[in-house]
């Protein structure tokens, strides 16, 4: 196992026409993106409505569904860590320059 992710999805944003009825229930396909950097809320995971090849080629905008964070990793994925703007600015200002 590489990582564990906590993710919240806004169920009201799911287009009903994309639900797929299967043998054991109703399914919905979505795409998960895990970023290398966290946002201002400590999140680095986003979920989008899966797009068909035609939708991607037509450059149709992604339907954003929700976000979350990596909460555990074996090192193969970046774990989300909260950083506020002040901490980020302090790190940028304390750069050791050789001159």
Foldseek 3Di string as FASTA:
>chain_A
DFFDKDKDFDPVLDDPVQWDQDPVGIDFDKDKDAAQAADQVQWGIWIWRDDDPVCVVVVPDTRTTTTTFTPDGPPPGHGGDHDHPVNVVVVVVPDDDPD
